[in-house]
Amino acid sequence: MSFRITRTAEDLAQTITALSQRLVKLEQRQEALELQMRQQQKDLNAVPNEEISTLEGVEALLRETRELLDSTAPITEPEMAEDSSQHDSWGQEAETEASCDVA
């Protein structure tokens, strides 16, 4: 009877040792996979330098365009009316000069 108990205890010890070794290998494999996954995620999130340069150029062009738009004041309605009356008076002067030449 004690032989069987000893034999069973030895089998259990070997099984526990094998399971422990397998667990260590699985943990190492999991760690390696997690590291690989983090690296791939980092690579996916990284923007290539060439693309960054292109985007910075586009951003600079947009900024310059906004500055140009801001520096040119929009024409308000009174200014538009004033401009059109000047154009009308210029046209009348030209007509007067033309009628003087005919006479």
N, C-alpha and C. Protein backbone atom coordinates (compact mmCIF):
# COMPACT_ATOMS: atom_id res chain seq x y z
N MET A 1 0.80 -1.18 0.00
CA MET A 1 0.00 0.00 0.00
C MET A 1 0.87 1.27 0.00
N SER A 2 1.88 1.33 0.79
CA SER A 2 2.74 2.50 0.83
C SER A 2 3.47 2.69 -0.50
N PHE A 3 3.71 1.58 -1.23
CA PHE A 3 4.36 1.69 -2.53
C PHE A 3 3.46 2.46 -3.50
N ARG A 4 2.18 2.16 -3.48
CA ARG A 4 1.24 2.86 -4.35
C ARG A 4 1.14 4.34 -3.98
N ILE A 5 1.11 4.65 -2.73
CA ILE A 5 1.04 6.05 -2.29
C ILE A 5 2.29 6.79 -2.74
N THR A 6 3.43 6.16 -2.57
CA THR A 6 4.68 6.78 -2.99
C THR A 6 4.68 6.98 -4.49
N ARG A 7 4.28 5.95 -5.22
CA ARG A 7 4.24 6.03 -6.69
C ARG A 7 3.27 7.12 -7.14
N THR A 8 2.12 7.22 -6.55
CA THR A 8 1.13 8.24 -6.88
C THR A 8 1.67 9.63 -6.55
N ALA A 9 2.34 9.78 -5.44
CA ALA A 9 2.93 11.06 -5.05
C ALA A 9 4.00 11.47 -6.04
N GLU A 10 4.83 10.50 -6.49
CA GLU A 10 5.87 10.80 -7.49
C GLU A 10 5.24 11.21 -8.81
N ASP A 11 4.18 10.51 -9.23
CA ASP A 11 3.47 10.87 -10.46
C ASP A 11 2.88 12.28 -10.37
N LEU A 12 2.30 12.58 -9.23
CA LEU A 12 1.74 13.92 -9.03
C LEU A 12 2.84 14.98 -9.06
N ALA A 13 3.97 14.70 -8.44
CA ALA A 13 5.09 15.64 -8.44
C ALA A 13 5.58 15.88 -9.86
N GLN A 14 5.71 14.80 -10.65
CA GLN A 14 6.15 14.95 -12.04
C GLN A 14 5.13 15.74 -12.86
N THR A 15 3.87 15.47 -12.63
CA THR A 15 2.81 16.18 -13.35
C THR A 15 2.83 17.66 -12.99
N ILE A 16 3.00 17.96 -11.71
CA ILE A 16 3.06 19.36 -11.26
C ILE A 16 4.28 20.05 -11.87
N THR A 17 5.42 19.36 -11.91
CA THR A 17 6.63 19.92 -12.50
C THR A 17 6.41 20.20 -13.99
N ALA A 18 5.84 19.23 -14.70
CA ALA A 18 5.58 19.40 -16.13
C ALA A 18 4.62 20.56 -16.38
N LEU A 19 3.57 20.63 -15.56
CA LEU A 19 2.61 21.72 -15.71
C LEU A 19 3.24 23.08 -15.40
N SER A 20 4.09 23.12 -14.39
CA SER A 20 4.78 24.37 -14.04
C SER A 20 5.67 24.83 -15.18
N GLN A 21 6.43 23.88 -15.76
CA GLN A 21 7.30 24.23 -16.89
C GLN A 21 6.48 24.72 -18.09
N ARG A 22 5.38 24.04 -18.33
CA ARG A 22 4.52 24.45 -19.44
C ARG A 22 3.93 25.83 -19.18
N LEU A 23 3.54 26.09 -17.95
CA LEU A 23 3.00 27.40 -17.58
C LEU A 23 4.04 28.50 -17.80
N VAL A 24 5.29 28.23 -17.42
CA VAL A 24 6.36 29.21 -17.61
C VAL A 24 6.54 29.50 -19.10
N LYS A 25 6.55 28.44 -19.93
CA LYS A 25 6.70 28.63 -21.38
C LYS A 25 5.53 29.43 -21.95
N LEU A 26 4.31 29.14 -21.49
CA LEU A 26 3.14 29.87 -21.97
C LEU A 26 3.19 31.35 -21.56
N GLU A 27 3.64 31.60 -20.34
CA GLU A 27 3.76 32.99 -19.88
C GLU A 27 4.80 33.74 -20.70
N GLN A 28 5.93 33.07 -21.01
CA GLN A 28 6.96 33.70 -21.84
C GLN A 28 6.42 33.99 -23.24
N ARG A 29 5.69 33.02 -23.78
CA ARG A 29 5.12 33.21 -25.11
C ARG A 29 4.10 34.36 -25.10
N GLN A 30 3.28 34.42 -24.07
CA GLN A 30 2.30 35.50 -23.95
C GLN A 30 3.01 36.86 -23.88
N GLU A 31 4.06 36.93 -23.09
CA GLU A 31 4.81 38.18 -22.96
C GLU A 31 5.40 38.60 -24.30
N ALA A 32 5.96 37.63 -25.05
CA ALA A 32 6.53 37.93 -26.36
C ALA A 32 5.45 38.42 -27.33
N LEU A 33 4.29 37.79 -27.29
CA LEU A 33 3.19 38.21 -28.17
C LEU A 33 2.68 39.60 -27.81
N GLU A 34 2.60 39.89 -26.51
CA GLU A 34 2.17 41.23 -26.08
C GLU A 34 3.17 42.29 -26.52
N LEU A 35 4.46 41.97 -26.40
CA LEU A 35 5.50 42.90 -26.85
C LEU A 35 5.39 43.14 -28.35
N GLN A 36 5.20 42.06 -29.10
CA GLN A 36 5.06 42.17 -30.55
C GLN A 36 3.82 43.00 -30.91
N MET A 37 2.73 42.77 -30.20
CA MET A 37 1.49 43.51 -30.45
C MET A 37 1.67 45.00 -30.15
N ARG A 38 2.35 45.32 -29.04
CA ARG A 38 2.61 46.73 -28.71
C ARG A 38 3.47 47.39 -29.78
N GLN A 39 4.47 46.66 -30.28
CA GLN A 39 5.35 47.20 -31.32
C GLN A 39 4.56 47.46 -32.60
N GLN A 40 3.69 46.51 -32.98
CA GLN A 40 2.88 46.69 -34.18
C GLN A 40 1.92 47.86 -34.01
N GLN A 41 1.35 48.00 -32.83
CA GLN A 41 0.44 49.11 -32.56
C GLN A 41 1.19 50.43 -32.65
N LYS A 42 2.40 50.45 -32.13
CA LYS A 42 3.24 51.65 -32.19
C LYS A 42 3.55 51.99 -33.64
N ASP A 43 3.87 50.98 -34.45
CA ASP A 43 4.17 51.20 -35.86
C ASP A 43 2.95 51.72 -36.62
N LEU A 44 1.77 51.22 -36.27
CA LEU A 44 0.55 51.68 -36.93
C LEU A 44 0.25 53.13 -36.59
N ASN A 45 0.53 53.52 -35.36
CA ASN A 45 0.24 54.88 -34.93
C ASN A 45 1.29 55.88 -35.39
N ALA A 46 2.46 55.39 -35.77
CA ALA A 46 3.53 56.29 -36.20
C ALA A 46 3.23 56.82 -37.60
N VAL A 47 3.44 58.12 -37.80
CA VAL A 47 3.24 58.75 -39.10
C VAL A 47 4.63 58.93 -39.72
N PRO A 48 4.80 58.50 -40.97
CA PRO A 48 6.11 58.64 -41.61
C PRO A 48 6.55 60.11 -41.69
N ASN A 49 7.86 60.33 -41.63
CA ASN A 49 8.41 61.69 -41.65
C ASN A 49 8.00 62.44 -42.91
N GLU A 50 7.96 61.74 -44.05
CA GLU A 50 7.59 62.38 -45.31
C GLU A 50 6.16 62.92 -45.24
N GLU A 51 5.27 62.13 -44.66
CA GLU A 51 3.87 62.56 -44.54
C GLU A 51 3.75 63.74 -43.58
N ILE A 52 4.53 63.72 -42.51
CA ILE A 52 4.52 64.83 -41.55
C ILE A 52 4.98 66.11 -42.25
N SER A 53 6.04 66.02 -43.06
CA SER A 53 6.54 67.19 -43.78
C SER A 53 5.48 67.73 -44.73
N THR A 54 4.82 66.84 -45.45
CA THR A 54 3.76 67.25 -46.38
C THR A 54 2.64 67.95 -45.63
N LEU A 55 2.22 67.37 -44.51
CA LEU A 55 1.14 67.98 -43.72
C LEU A 55 1.54 69.33 -43.15
N GLU A 56 2.80 69.47 -42.75
CA GLU A 56 3.27 70.76 -42.24
C GLU A 56 3.25 71.81 -43.34
N GLY A 57 3.61 71.40 -44.57
CA GLY A 57 3.56 72.32 -45.71
C GLY A 57 2.14 72.77 -46.00
N VAL A 58 1.22 71.84 -45.96
CA VAL A 58 -0.19 72.17 -46.19
C VAL A 58 -0.68 73.11 -45.10
N GLU A 59 -0.28 72.84 -43.87
CA GLU A 59 -0.69 73.70 -42.76
C GLU A 59 -0.15 75.12 -42.94
N ALA A 60 1.10 75.24 -43.40
CA ALA A 60 1.69 76.57 -43.62
C ALA A 60 0.93 77.31 -44.73
N LEU A 61 0.58 76.59 -45.80
CA LEU A 61 -0.19 77.22 -46.89
C LEU A 61 -1.56 77.69 -46.40
N LEU A 62 -2.20 76.89 -45.59
CA LEU A 62 -3.50 77.29 -45.04
C LEU A 62 -3.36 78.52 -44.15
N ARG A 63 -2.31 78.55 -43.35
CA ARG A 63 -2.09 79.70 -42.47
C ARG A 63 -1.86 80.97 -43.30
N GLU A 64 -1.04 80.87 -44.36
CA GLU A 64 -0.78 82.02 -45.23
C GLU A 64 -2.07 82.49 -45.91
N THR A 65 -2.87 81.54 -46.35
CA THR A 65 -4.13 81.88 -47.01
C THR A 65 -5.06 82.60 -46.05
N ARG A 66 -5.14 82.11 -44.82
CA ARG A 66 -5.98 82.77 -43.81
C ARG A 66 -5.49 84.19 -43.54
N GLU A 67 -4.16 84.35 -43.45
CA GLU A 67 -3.60 85.67 -43.20
C GLU A 67 -3.94 86.62 -44.35
N LEU A 68 -3.85 86.12 -45.59
CA LEU A 68 -4.20 86.96 -46.73
C LEU A 68 -5.68 87.34 -46.71
N LEU A 69 -6.52 86.37 -46.38
CA LEU A 69 -7.96 86.65 -46.31
C LEU A 69 -8.26 87.64 -45.20
N ASP A 70 -7.58 87.50 -44.07
CA ASP A 70 -7.81 88.42 -42.95
C ASP A 70 -7.30 89.82 -43.27
N SER A 71 -6.22 89.92 -44.04
CA SER A 71 -5.64 91.23 -44.33
C SER A 71 -6.46 92.00 -45.35
N THR A 72 -7.21 91.32 -46.19
CA THR A 72 -8.08 92.02 -47.14
C THR A 72 -9.44 92.20 -46.49
N ALA A 73 -9.81 93.46 -46.28
CA ALA A 73 -11.08 93.75 -45.61
C ALA A 73 -12.21 93.51 -46.60
N PRO A 74 -13.27 92.90 -46.15
CA PRO A 74 -14.41 92.69 -47.05
C PRO A 74 -15.08 94.03 -47.36
N ILE A 75 -15.61 94.15 -48.57
CA ILE A 75 -16.27 95.39 -48.98
C ILE A 75 -17.67 95.42 -48.36
N THR A 76 -17.94 96.50 -47.64
CA THR A 76 -19.25 96.64 -47.01
C THR A 76 -20.22 97.28 -48.00
N GLU A 77 -21.50 97.27 -47.71
CA GLU A 77 -22.51 97.82 -48.62
C GLU A 77 -22.31 99.32 -48.89
N PRO A 78 -22.01 100.16 -47.88
CA PRO A 78 -21.79 101.59 -48.19
C PRO A 78 -20.59 101.78 -49.13
N GLU A 79 -19.54 101.01 -48.93
CA GLU A 79 -18.39 101.13 -49.82
C GLU A 79 -18.76 100.71 -51.23
N MET A 80 -19.58 99.66 -51.35
CA MET A 80 -20.00 99.20 -52.67
C MET A 80 -20.83 100.29 -53.36
N ALA A 81 -21.72 100.94 -52.62
CA ALA A 81 -22.55 102.01 -53.20
C ALA A 81 -21.67 103.17 -53.64
N GLU A 82 -20.68 103.50 -52.83
CA GLU A 82 -19.76 104.59 -53.16
C GLU A 82 -18.97 104.26 -54.42
N ASP A 83 -18.49 103.02 -54.51
CA ASP A 83 -17.73 102.59 -55.68
C ASP A 83 -18.60 102.65 -56.94
N SER A 84 -19.85 102.22 -56.85
CA SER A 84 -20.71 102.22 -58.03
C SER A 84 -21.05 103.65 -58.45
N SER A 85 -21.21 104.57 -57.50
CA SER A 85 -21.50 105.96 -57.87
C SER A 85 -20.29 106.59 -58.53
N GLN A 86 -19.09 106.23 -58.11
CA GLN A 86 -17.89 106.74 -58.77
C GLN A 86 -17.82 106.23 -60.19
N HIS A 87 -18.15 104.97 -60.39
CA HIS A 87 -18.12 104.41 -61.74
C HIS A 87 -19.16 105.09 -62.62
N ASP A 88 -20.33 105.41 -62.05
CA ASP A 88 -21.36 106.09 -62.82
C ASP A 88 -20.90 107.48 -63.21
N SER A 89 -20.29 108.20 -62.28
CA SER A 89 -19.84 109.56 -62.58
C SER A 89 -18.70 109.53 -63.59
N TRP A 90 -17.86 108.53 -63.55
CA TRP A 90 -16.79 108.42 -64.55
C TRP A 90 -17.40 108.19 -65.93
N GLY A 91 -18.45 107.40 -65.96
CA GLY A 91 -19.11 107.14 -67.24
C GLY A 91 -19.75 108.41 -67.79
N GLN A 92 -20.32 109.24 -66.92
CA GLN A 92 -20.96 110.48 -67.36
C GLN A 92 -19.92 111.44 -67.88
N GLU A 93 -18.75 111.51 -67.23
CA GLU A 93 -17.69 112.39 -67.69
C GLU A 93 -17.24 111.98 -69.08
N ALA A 94 -17.15 110.69 -69.29
CA ALA A 94 -16.71 110.21 -70.60
C ALA A 94 -17.75 110.55 -71.65
N GLU A 95 -19.04 110.45 -71.32
CA GLU A 95 -20.09 110.78 -72.27
C GLU A 95 -20.06 112.27 -72.58
N THR A 96 -19.83 113.11 -71.58
CA THR A 96 -19.77 114.55 -71.78
C THR A 96 -18.62 114.90 -72.70
N GLU A 97 -17.47 114.30 -72.47
CA GLU A 97 -16.31 114.55 -73.32
C GLU A 97 -16.59 114.10 -74.75
N ALA A 98 -17.28 112.97 -74.89
CA ALA A 98 -17.59 112.46 -76.21
C ALA A 98 -18.56 113.39 -76.93
N SER A 99 -19.55 113.95 -76.22
CA SER A 99 -20.51 114.85 -76.86
C SER A 99 -19.85 116.17 -77.23
N CYS A 100 -18.84 116.58 -76.47
CA CYS A 100 -18.12 117.80 -76.79
C CYS A 100 -17.32 117.61 -78.07
N ASP A 101 -16.77 116.46 -78.28
CA ASP A 101 -15.98 116.19 -79.47
C ASP A 101 -16.85 116.20 -80.72
N VAL A 102 -18.09 115.78 -80.59
CA VAL A 102 -18.99 115.70 -81.74
C VAL A 102 -19.38 117.10 -82.19
N ALA A 103 -19.60 117.98 -81.29
CA ALA A 103 -20.07 119.32 -81.62
C ALA A 103 -19.03 120.15 -82.23
